[in-house]
Amino acid sequence: MNKMYFFRLMCCALLISSLSESAFALDSYRYLHVTIETPWSIFLFLLIGILAPFVLMAILIWRYSTRYKSEEDHAESQQDPSQQ
């Protein structure tokens, strides 16, 4: 009963929204506020989104590589000289 009510409600909402005048404006440039700066904004957003993981990866590799090298040097200096 509850699922059927939700289905009818969604169908009615879809029908009402498809008949409204603002539904036809979804594909217009004026409704979406597309200007000459839009491609530039999209480019900057994608540039940050794509390059940020690579920058983070480089920082983490640099940080952990120095940590593990110092631990290996410390472990080698702690070994008994007779084992070498």
Protein backbone atom coordinates (compact mmCIF):
# COMPACT_ATOMS: atom_id res chain seq x y z
CA MET A 1 0.00 0.00 0.00
CA ASN A 2 2.75 2.43 0.93
CA LYS A 3 4.79 1.61 -2.21
CA MET A 4 1.78 2.11 -4.43
CA TYR A 5 1.06 5.50 -2.86
CA PHE A 6 4.68 6.57 -3.39
CA PHE A 7 4.56 5.39 -7.02
CA ARG A 8 1.37 7.37 -7.72
CA LEU A 9 2.78 10.43 -6.03
CA MET A 10 5.95 10.26 -8.14
CA CYS A 11 3.94 9.79 -11.33
CA CYS A 12 1.81 12.83 -10.52
CA ALA A 13 4.88 14.92 -9.70
CA LEU A 14 6.53 13.89 -12.95
CA LEU A 15 3.41 14.72 -14.95
CA ILE A 16 2.99 18.12 -13.33
CA SER A 17 6.64 19.05 -13.78
CA SER A 18 6.67 17.98 -17.43
CA LEU A 19 3.69 20.21 -18.19
CA SER A 20 5.13 23.31 -16.58
CA GLU A 21 6.78 26.01 -18.67
CA SER A 22 10.04 25.89 -16.73
CA ALA A 23 10.58 22.27 -17.78
CA PHE A 24 11.14 23.42 -21.36
CA ALA A 25 13.90 25.81 -20.27
CA LEU A 26 16.21 23.03 -19.06
CA ASP A 27 18.07 22.91 -22.36
CA SER A 28 18.39 26.65 -22.90
CA TYR A 29 21.63 28.49 -22.28
CA ARG A 30 19.89 31.37 -20.58
CA TYR A 31 18.38 29.09 -17.94
CA LEU A 32 21.71 27.43 -17.18
CA HIS A 33 23.57 30.78 -17.04
CA VAL A 34 26.23 29.68 -19.51
CA THR A 35 28.65 32.50 -20.24
CA ILE A 36 32.01 32.82 -21.94
CA GLU A 37 33.74 32.09 -18.61
CA THR A 38 32.00 28.72 -18.18
CA PRO A 39 34.53 26.57 -20.11
CA TRP A 40 37.36 28.24 -18.21
CA SER A 41 35.65 27.47 -14.89
CA ILE A 42 35.07 23.86 -15.91
CA PHE A 43 38.72 23.56 -16.95
CA LEU A 44 39.98 24.92 -13.63
CA PHE A 45 37.65 22.66 -11.65
CA LEU A 46 38.79 19.57 -13.55
CA LEU A 47 42.44 20.63 -13.36
CA ILE A 48 42.27 20.79 -9.57
CA GLY A 49 40.30 17.55 -9.38
CA ILE A 50 42.73 15.66 -11.58
CA LEU A 51 46.04 17.11 -10.38
CA ALA A 52 45.30 17.12 -6.63
CA PRO A 53 45.63 13.31 -6.24
CA PHE A 54 48.95 13.35 -8.09
CA VAL A 55 50.30 16.13 -5.89
CA LEU A 56 49.14 14.28 -2.78
CA MET A 57 50.72 11.07 -4.07
CA ALA A 58 54.06 12.81 -4.67
CA ILE A 59 54.02 14.35 -1.18
CA LEU A 60 53.22 11.02 0.47
CA ILE A 61 55.86 9.13 -1.53
CA TRP A 62 58.48 11.72 -0.58
CA ARG A 63 57.47 11.68 3.09
CA TYR A 64 57.35 7.92 3.52
CA SER A 65 60.46 7.21 1.46
CA THR A 66 62.60 9.24 3.87
CA ARG A 67 60.94 7.60 6.87
CA TYR A 68 61.57 4.03 5.68
CA LYS A 69 65.15 4.78 4.65
CA SER A 70 65.95 6.14 8.09
CA GLU A 71 64.34 3.07 9.73
CA GLU A 72 66.41 0.73 7.51
CA ASP A 73 69.61 2.60 8.34
CA HIS A 74 68.75 2.47 12.01
CA ALA A 75 68.03 -1.28 11.82
CA GLU A 76 71.31 -1.96 10.00
CA SER A 77 73.29 -0.05 12.61
CA GLN A 78 71.60 -2.04 15.39
CA GLN A 79 72.60 -5.44 13.91
CA ASP A 80 75.40 -7.43 15.48
CA PRO A 81 78.68 -6.92 13.56
CA SER A 82 79.38 -10.67 13.67
CA GLN A 83 76.29 -11.36 11.50
CA GLN A 84 77.54 -9.18 8.66
